[in-house]
C-alpha atoms as a PDB file:
ATOM      1  CA  UNK A   1      10.537  41.125   5.883  1.00  0.00           C
ATOM      2  CA  UNK A   2       8.288  43.936   7.082  1.00  0.00           C
ATOM      3  CA  UNK A   3       6.767  43.843  10.560  1.00  0.00           C
ATOM      4  CA  UNK A   4       3.367  43.285   8.935  1.00  0.00           C
ATOM      5  CA  UNK A   5       4.628  40.281   6.959  1.00  0.00           C
ATOM      6  CA  UNK A   6       6.256  38.834  10.076  1.00  0.00           C
ATOM      7  CA  UNK A   7       3.054  39.323  12.069  1.00  0.00           C
ATOM      8  CA  UNK A   8       1.020  37.631   9.332  1.00  0.00           C
ATOM      9  CA  UNK A   9       3.353  34.645   9.238  1.00  0.00           C
ATOM     10  CA  UNK A  10       3.461  34.295  13.031  1.00  0.00           C
ATOM     11  CA  UNK A  11      -0.330  34.381  13.213  1.00  0.00           C
ATOM     12  CA  UNK A  12      -0.558  31.701  10.547  1.00  0.00           C
ATOM     13  CA  UNK A  13       1.868  29.290  12.239  1.00  0.00           C
ATOM     14  CA  UNK A  14       0.468  29.872  15.718  1.00  0.00           C
ATOM     15  CA  UNK A  15      -2.994  28.840  14.510  1.00  0.00           C
ATOM     16  CA  UNK A  16      -1.663  25.972  12.425  1.00  0.00           C
ATOM     17  CA  UNK A  17       0.493  24.447  15.196  1.00  0.00           C
ATOM     18  CA  UNK A  18      -2.038  21.831  16.439  1.00  0.00           C
ATOM     19  CA  UNK A  19      -2.196  20.125  13.033  1.00  0.00           C
ATOM     20  CA  UNK A  20       1.065  21.242  11.431  1.00  0.00           C
ATOM     21  CA  UNK A  21       2.447  17.683  11.255  1.00  0.00           C
ATOM     22  CA  UNK A  22      -0.184  16.743   8.666  1.00  0.00           C
ATOM     23  CA  UNK A  23       2.188  18.195   6.072  1.00  0.00           C
ATOM     24  CA  UNK A  24       4.554  15.280   6.696  1.00  0.00           C
ATOM     25  CA  UNK A  25       1.861  12.679   6.063  1.00  0.00           C
ATOM     26  CA  UNK A  26       1.424  13.442   2.370  1.00  0.00           C
ATOM     27  CA  UNK A  27       2.080  10.181   0.445  1.00  0.00           C
ATOM     28  CA  UNK A  28       4.341  11.747  -2.182  1.00  0.00           C
ATOM     29  CA  UNK A  29       6.728  12.971   0.515  1.00  0.00           C
ATOM     30  CA  UNK A  30       7.311   9.670   2.299  1.00  0.00           C
ATOM     31  CA  UNK A  31      10.413   8.546   0.403  1.00  0.00           C
ATOM     32  CA  UNK A  32      12.164  11.879   0.923  1.00  0.00           C
ATOM     33  CA  UNK A  33      11.164  12.042   4.581  1.00  0.00           C
ATOM     34  CA  UNK A  34      12.403   8.523   5.328  1.00  0.00           C
ATOM     35  CA  UNK A  35      15.784   9.434   3.836  1.00  0.00           C
ATOM     36  CA  UNK A  36      15.974  12.776   5.667  1.00  0.00           C
ATOM     37  CA  UNK A  37      15.108  11.379   9.087  1.00  0.00           C
ATOM     38  CA  UNK A  38      18.181   9.157   8.932  1.00  0.00           C
ATOM     39  CA  UNK A  39      20.456  11.494   7.011  1.00  0.00           C
ATOM     40  CA  UNK A  40      19.975  14.548   9.231  1.00  0.00           C
ATOM     41  CA  UNK A  41      20.567  12.513  12.382  1.00  0.00           C
ATOM     42  CA  UNK A  42      23.697  10.933  10.890  1.00  0.00           C
ATOM     43  CA  UNK A  43      25.109  14.327   9.868  1.00  0.00           C
ATOM     44  CA  UNK A  44      24.670  15.903  13.310  1.00  0.00           C
ATOM     45  CA  UNK A  45      25.265  12.849  15.485  1.00  0.00           C
ATOM     46  CA  UNK A  46      27.577  13.519  18.438  1.00  0.00           C
ATOM     47  CA  UNK A  47      27.386  17.309  18.139  1.00  0.00           C
ATOM     48  CA  UNK A  48      25.868  19.867  20.481  1.00  0.00           C
ATOM     49  CA  UNK A  49      23.126  21.241  18.253  1.00  0.00           C
ATOM     50  CA  UNK A  50      21.129  24.458  18.046  1.00  0.00           C
ATOM     51  CA  UNK A  51      17.901  24.232  16.054  1.00  0.00           C
ATOM     52  CA  UNK A  52      16.246  27.304  14.583  1.00  0.00           C
ATOM     53  CA  UNK A  53      12.463  27.475  14.057  1.00  0.00           C
ATOM     54  CA  UNK A  54      11.848  23.973  15.377  1.00  0.00           C
ATOM     55  CA  UNK A  55       8.071  24.342  15.197  1.00  0.00           C
ATOM     56  CA  UNK A  56       6.360  21.305  16.692  1.00  0.00           C
ATOM     57  CA  UNK A  57       9.652  19.417  16.866  1.00  0.00           C
ATOM     58  CA  UNK A  58       9.000  17.003  14.009  1.00  0.00           C
ATOM     59  CA  UNK A  59      12.634  16.939  12.834  1.00  0.00           C
ATOM     60  CA  UNK A  60      13.993  17.563  16.333  1.00  0.00           C
ATOM     61  CA  UNK A  61      12.664  14.231  17.596  1.00  0.00           C
ATOM     62  CA  UNK A  62      14.824  12.369  15.064  1.00  0.00           C
ATOM     63  CA  UNK A  63      18.020  14.387  15.545  1.00  0.00           C
ATOM     64  CA  UNK A  64      18.092  15.151  19.285  1.00  0.00           C
ATOM     65  CA  UNK A  65      18.467  11.539  20.537  1.00  0.00           C
ATOM     66  CA  UNK A  66      21.802  11.352  18.692  1.00  0.00           C
ATOM     67  CA  UNK A  67      23.171  14.552  20.262  1.00  0.00           C
ATOM     68  CA  UNK A  68      24.658  15.023  23.747  1.00  0.00           C
ATOM     69  CA  UNK A  69      23.088  18.482  23.990  1.00  0.00           C
ATOM     70  CA  UNK A  70      20.186  19.848  21.959  1.00  0.00           C
ATOM     71  CA  UNK A  71      18.552  23.273  22.103  1.00  0.00           C
ATOM     72  CA  UNK A  72      15.453  23.770  19.956  1.00  0.00           C
ATOM     73  CA  UNK A  73      14.263  27.341  19.459  1.00  0.00           C
ATOM     74  CA  UNK A  74      11.247  28.958  17.850  1.00  0.00           C
ATOM     75  CA  UNK A  75       9.761  32.440  17.726  1.00  0.00           C
ATOM     76  CA  UNK A  76       6.401  31.145  18.972  1.00  0.00           C
ATOM     77  CA  UNK A  77       5.349  29.440  22.187  1.00  0.00           C
ATOM     78  CA  UNK A  78       2.391  27.595  20.582  1.00  0.00           C
ATOM     79  CA  UNK A  79       4.448  25.085  18.551  1.00  0.00           C
ATOM     80  CA  UNK A  80       7.096  24.829  21.282  1.00  0.00           C
ATOM     81  CA  UNK A  81       4.455  23.590  23.727  1.00  0.00           C
ATOM     82  CA  UNK A  82       3.887  20.668  21.353  1.00  0.00           C
ATOM     83  CA  UNK A  83       7.600  20.092  20.736  1.00  0.00           C
ATOM     84  CA  UNK A  84       8.225  19.661  24.470  1.00  0.00           C
ATOM     85  CA  UNK A  85       5.889  16.640  24.424  1.00  0.00           C
ATOM     86  CA  UNK A  86       7.961  14.737  21.854  1.00  0.00           C
ATOM     87  CA  UNK A  87       9.520  11.591  23.371  1.00  0.00           C
ATOM     88  CA  UNK A  88      12.805  12.260  21.578  1.00  0.00           C
ATOM     89  CA  UNK A  89      13.149  15.680  23.202  1.00  0.00           C
ATOM     90  CA  UNK A  90      13.092  14.608  26.837  1.00  0.00           C
ATOM     91  CA  UNK A  91      16.669  15.833  27.382  1.00  0.00           C
ATOM     92  CA  UNK A  92      16.450  18.871  25.095  1.00  0.00           C
ATOM     93  CA  UNK A  93      15.815  22.530  25.837  1.00  0.00           C
ATOM     94  CA  UNK A  94      12.911  24.128  23.944  1.00  0.00           C
ATOM     95  CA  UNK A  95      13.138  27.909  24.104  1.00  0.00           C
ATOM     96  CA  UNK A  96      11.556  30.972  22.534  1.00  0.00           C
ATOM     97  CA  UNK A  97      14.225  32.925  20.633  1.00  0.00           C
ATOM     98  CA  UNK A  98      14.497  35.405  17.778  1.00  0.00           C
ATOM     99  CA  UNK A  99      16.473  33.820  14.927  1.00  0.00           C
ATOM    100  CA  UNK A 100      17.830  37.232  13.944  1.00  0.00           C
ATOM    101  CA  UNK A 101      19.077  38.053  17.442  1.00  0.00           C
ATOM    102  CA  UNK A 102      19.990  34.763  19.124  1.00  0.00           C
ATOM    103  CA  UNK A 103      21.065  35.573  22.701  1.00  0.00           C
ATOM    104  CA  UNK A 104      24.513  34.744  24.076  1.00  0.00           C
ATOM    105  CA  UNK A 105      22.784  32.923  26.924  1.00  0.00           C
ATOM    106  CA  UNK A 106      22.082  30.034  24.549  1.00  0.00           C
ATOM    107  CA  UNK A 107      25.794  29.185  24.590  1.00  0.00           C
ATOM    108  CA  UNK A 108      27.944  27.909  21.737  1.00  0.00           C
ATOM    109  CA  UNK A 109      27.262  24.884  19.549  1.00  0.00           C
ATOM    110  CA  UNK A 110      29.140  22.534  17.239  1.00  0.00           C
ATOM    111  CA  UNK A 111      26.149  21.988  14.971  1.00  0.00           C
ATOM    112  CA  UNK A 112      22.977  23.700  13.815  1.00  0.00           C
ATOM    113  CA  UNK A 113      19.809  22.777  11.966  1.00  0.00           C
ATOM    114  CA  UNK A 114      16.878  24.711  10.501  1.00  0.00           C
ATOM    115  CA  UNK A 115      14.003  22.852   8.867  1.00  0.00           C
ATOM    116  CA  UNK A 116      11.553  24.678   6.582  1.00  0.00           C
ATOM    117  CA  UNK A 117      12.758  28.025   7.917  1.00  0.00           C
ATOM    118  CA  UNK A 118      15.181  29.525   5.405  1.00  0.00           C
ATOM    119  CA  UNK A 119      12.417  29.940   2.822  1.00  0.00           C
ATOM    120  CA  UNK A 120      10.740  32.329   5.274  1.00  0.00           C
ATOM    121  CA  UNK A 121      13.855  34.506   5.581  1.00  0.00           C
ATOM    122  CA  UNK A 122      13.483  37.627   3.473  1.00  0.00           C
ATOM    123  CA  UNK A 123      16.217  38.033   0.869  1.00  0.00           C
ATOM    124  CA  UNK A 124      17.326  41.320   2.438  1.00  0.00           C
ATOM    125  CA  UNK A 125      17.712  39.624   5.858  1.00  0.00           C
ATOM    126  CA  UNK A 126      19.678  36.516   4.866  1.00  0.00           C
ATOM    127  CA  UNK A 127      23.020  37.996   5.934  1.00  0.00           C
ATOM    128  CA  UNK A 128      21.477  39.145   9.210  1.00  0.00           C
ATOM    129  CA  UNK A 129      20.237  35.616   9.916  1.00  0.00           C
ATOM    130  CA  UNK A 130      23.593  34.001   9.066  1.00  0.00           C
ATOM    131  CA  UNK A 131      25.433  36.475  11.290  1.00  0.00           C
ATOM    132  CA  UNK A 132      23.085  35.744  14.193  1.00  0.00           C
ATOM    133  CA  UNK A 133      23.356  31.970  13.750  1.00  0.00           C
ATOM    134  CA  UNK A 134      27.114  31.833  13.222  1.00  0.00           C
ATOM    135  CA  UNK A 135      27.714  33.956  16.328  1.00  0.00           C
ATOM    136  CA  UNK A 136      26.317  31.071  18.368  1.00  0.00           C
ATOM    137  CA  UNK A 137      28.488  28.419  16.684  1.00  0.00           C
ATOM    138  CA  UNK A 138      31.994  27.164  17.291  1.00  0.00           C
ATOM    139  CA  UNK A 139      34.668  27.183  14.556  1.00  0.00           C
ATOM    140  CA  UNK A 140      34.174  24.154  12.321  1.00  0.00           C
ATOM    141  CA  UNK A 141      30.513  23.759  13.286  1.00  0.00           C
ATOM    142  CA  UNK A 142      28.331  21.864  10.819  1.00  0.00           C
ATOM    143  CA  UNK A 143      25.072  23.415   9.614  1.00  0.00           C
ATOM    144  CA  UNK A 144      22.143  21.908   7.709  1.00  0.00           C
ATOM    145  CA  UNK A 145      19.345  23.986   6.223  1.00  0.00           C
ATOM    146  CA  UNK A 146      16.377  21.943   4.981  1.00  0.00           C
ATOM    147  CA  UNK A 147      13.424  23.300   3.041  1.00  0.00           C
ATOM    148  CA  UNK A 148      10.635  22.669   0.552  1.00  0.00           C
ATOM    149  CA  UNK A 149      11.254  22.314  -3.155  1.00  0.00           C
ATOM    150  CA  UNK A 150       9.204  24.288  -5.650  1.00  0.00           C
ATOM    151  CA  UNK A 151       6.962  21.254  -6.007  1.00  0.00           C
ATOM    152  CA  UNK A 152       5.090  22.768  -3.060  1.00  0.00           C
ATOM    153  CA  UNK A 153       3.810  25.472  -5.417  1.00  0.00           C
ATOM    154  CA  UNK A 154       1.451  22.937  -6.988  1.00  0.00           C
ATOM    155  CA  UNK A 155      -0.672  23.232  -3.835  1.00  0.00           C
ATOM    156  CA  UNK A 156       0.358  26.752  -2.854  1.00  0.00           C
ATOM    157  CA  UNK A 157       1.239  28.821  -5.924  1.00  0.00           C
ATOM    158  CA  UNK A 158       3.216  32.018  -5.600  1.00  0.00           C
ATOM    159  CA  UNK A 159       0.862  34.971  -5.881  1.00  0.00           C
ATOM    160  CA  UNK A 160       3.032  38.008  -5.181  1.00  0.00           C
ATOM    161  CA  UNK A 161       6.585  39.309  -5.538  1.00  0.00           C
ATOM    162  CA  UNK A 162       7.813  42.378  -3.649  1.00  0.00           C
ATOM    163  CA  UNK A 163      10.453  44.972  -4.508  1.00  0.00           C
ATOM    164  CA  UNK A 164      13.241  42.860  -2.987  1.00  0.00           C
ATOM    165  CA  UNK A 165      12.310  39.779  -5.008  1.00  0.00           C
ATOM    166  CA  UNK A 166      10.638  37.966  -2.094  1.00  0.00           C
ATOM    167  CA  UNK A 167       7.728  35.765  -3.118  1.00  0.00           C
ATOM    168  CA  UNK A 168       4.495  35.081  -1.234  1.00  0.00           C
ATOM    169  CA  UNK A 169       1.788  32.435  -1.015  1.00  0.00           C
ATOM    170  CA  UNK A 170      -1.796  32.598   0.230  1.00  0.00           C
ATOM    171  CA  UNK A 171      -2.145  29.759   2.745  1.00  0.00           C
ATOM    172  CA  UNK A 172      -5.556  28.490   3.930  1.00  0.00           C
ATOM    173  CA  UNK A 173      -6.246  27.211   7.441  1.00  0.00           C
ATOM    174  CA  UNK A 174      -8.935  24.738   8.512  1.00  0.00           C
ATOM    175  CA  UNK A 175     -11.087  27.559   9.869  1.00  0.00           C
ATOM    176  CA  UNK A 176     -11.383  28.940   6.341  1.00  0.00           C
ATOM    177  CA  UNK A 177      -9.082  31.929   6.890  1.00  0.00           C
ATOM    178  CA  UNK A 178      -6.321  32.724   4.398  1.00  0.00           C
ATOM    179  CA  UNK A 179      -2.889  34.073   5.279  1.00  0.00           C
ATOM    180  CA  UNK A 180      -0.164  35.850   3.308  1.00  0.00           C
ATOM    181  CA  UNK A 181       3.067  33.921   3.921  1.00  0.00           C
ATOM    182  CA  UNK A 182       6.544  34.775   2.625  1.00  0.00           C
ATOM    183  CA  UNK A 183       8.010  31.738   0.847  1.00  0.00           C
ATOM    184  CA  UNK A 184      11.261  31.986  -1.115  1.00  0.00           C
ATOM    185  CA  UNK A 185      12.895  29.245  -3.181  1.00  0.00           C
ATOM    186  CA  UNK A 186      16.613  30.111  -3.335  1.00  0.00           C
ATOM    187  CA  UNK A 187      18.624  28.950  -6.325  1.00  0.00           C
ATOM    188  CA  UNK A 188      21.930  27.107  -6.073  1.00  0.00           C
ATOM    189  CA  UNK A 189      23.648  30.309  -7.179  1.00  0.00           C
ATOM    190  CA  UNK A 190      22.056  32.282  -4.319  1.00  0.00           C
ATOM    191  CA  UNK A 191      23.123  29.678  -1.766  1.00  0.00           C
ATOM    192  CA  UNK A 192      26.669  29.534  -3.111  1.00  0.00           C
ATOM    193  CA  UNK A 193      26.877  33.345  -3.035  1.00  0.00           C
ATOM    194  CA  UNK A 194      26.159  33.150   0.689  1.00  0.00           C
ATOM    195  CA  UNK A 195      28.785  30.424   1.027  1.00  0.00           C
ATOM    196  CA  UNK A 196      31.342  32.742  -0.573  1.00  0.00           C
ATOM    197  CA  UNK A 197      30.313  35.741   1.516  1.00  0.00           C
ATOM    198  CA  UNK A 198      30.737  33.802   4.774  1.00  0.00           C
ATOM    199  CA  UNK A 199      33.756  31.700   3.698  1.00  0.00           C
ATOM    200  CA  UNK A 200      31.825  28.479   4.267  1.00  0.00           C
ATOM    201  CA  UNK A 201      33.549  25.122   3.794  1.00  0.00           C
ATOM    202  CA  UNK A 202      32.479  21.633   2.696  1.00  0.00           C
ATOM    203  CA  UNK A 203      29.378  23.071   1.056  1.00  0.00           C
ATOM    204  CA  UNK A 204      26.843  20.738  -0.523  1.00  0.00           C
ATOM    205  CA  UNK A 205      23.414  21.330  -2.014  1.00  0.00           C
ATOM    206  CA  UNK A 206      21.152  18.347  -2.586  1.00  0.00           C
ATOM    207  CA  UNK A 207      17.732  18.609  -4.185  1.00  0.00           C
ATOM    208  CA  UNK A 208      15.162  15.860  -3.634  1.00  0.00           C
ATOM    209  CA  UNK A 209      11.680  15.690  -5.159  1.00  0.00           C
ATOM    210  CA  UNK A 210       9.973  17.552  -2.314  1.00  0.00           C
ATOM    211  CA  UNK A 211      12.849  19.052  -0.347  1.00  0.00           C
ATOM    212  CA  UNK A 212      16.335  20.495  -0.696  1.00  0.00           C
ATOM    213  CA  UNK A 213      19.105  20.870   1.863  1.00  0.00           C
ATOM    214  CA  UNK A 214      22.234  22.967   2.146  1.00  0.00           C
ATOM    215  CA  UNK A 215      25.025  21.405   4.197  1.00  0.00           C
ATOM    216  CA  UNK A 216      28.163  23.330   5.180  1.00  0.00           C
ATOM    217  CA  UNK A 217      30.820  23.879   7.825  1.00  0.00           C
ATOM    218  CA  UNK A 218      32.130  27.082   9.331  1.00  0.00           C
ATOM    219  CA  UNK A 219      35.833  27.849   8.867  1.00  0.00           C
ATOM    220  CA  UNK A 220      38.082  26.737  11.711  1.00  0.00           C
END
């Protein structure tokens, strides 16, 4: 992702933070969300977890209470200020961090989660992101990546494709402004190619109506 694209996306999410959770109130998403709230917490229960791009902490509040240690990170302070107010995050750390250069000071974790983030990772930076994330994880750590299905394109169609194959949407905000946002929808084959490249174990891809998730473990 170019610096301009990153700046555009950061500006969009910083302004959207106060009402970001409205996306989870859409009626057609309720069945998937009810399942995911329980499933994600069950998968990561008992692990020390690092979350990438936690945003306002919507998913964090359901996972963190089941974890002895939870660190939620985001590139922006605006959504983190809202995440810190979540009742389920009273014992968690909420820190600004670059997903592509996660600092050693975060420590090491036995689990990781990223919700609605991987679709914003440019194709040419996927390996960079995995390397950064895995450097902060212990052998055998479990990772869950959750994201939107292509059903989202009904409301936000793809309007642009760049030379790397990244796709973009034009997203409106309540103030009437429109923002260019990178939004990729990786295929099963793309995800499994990453699994092969990083020797991932216990890989599973599950596609729901409105979301998909990729579940795997690092080699021991």
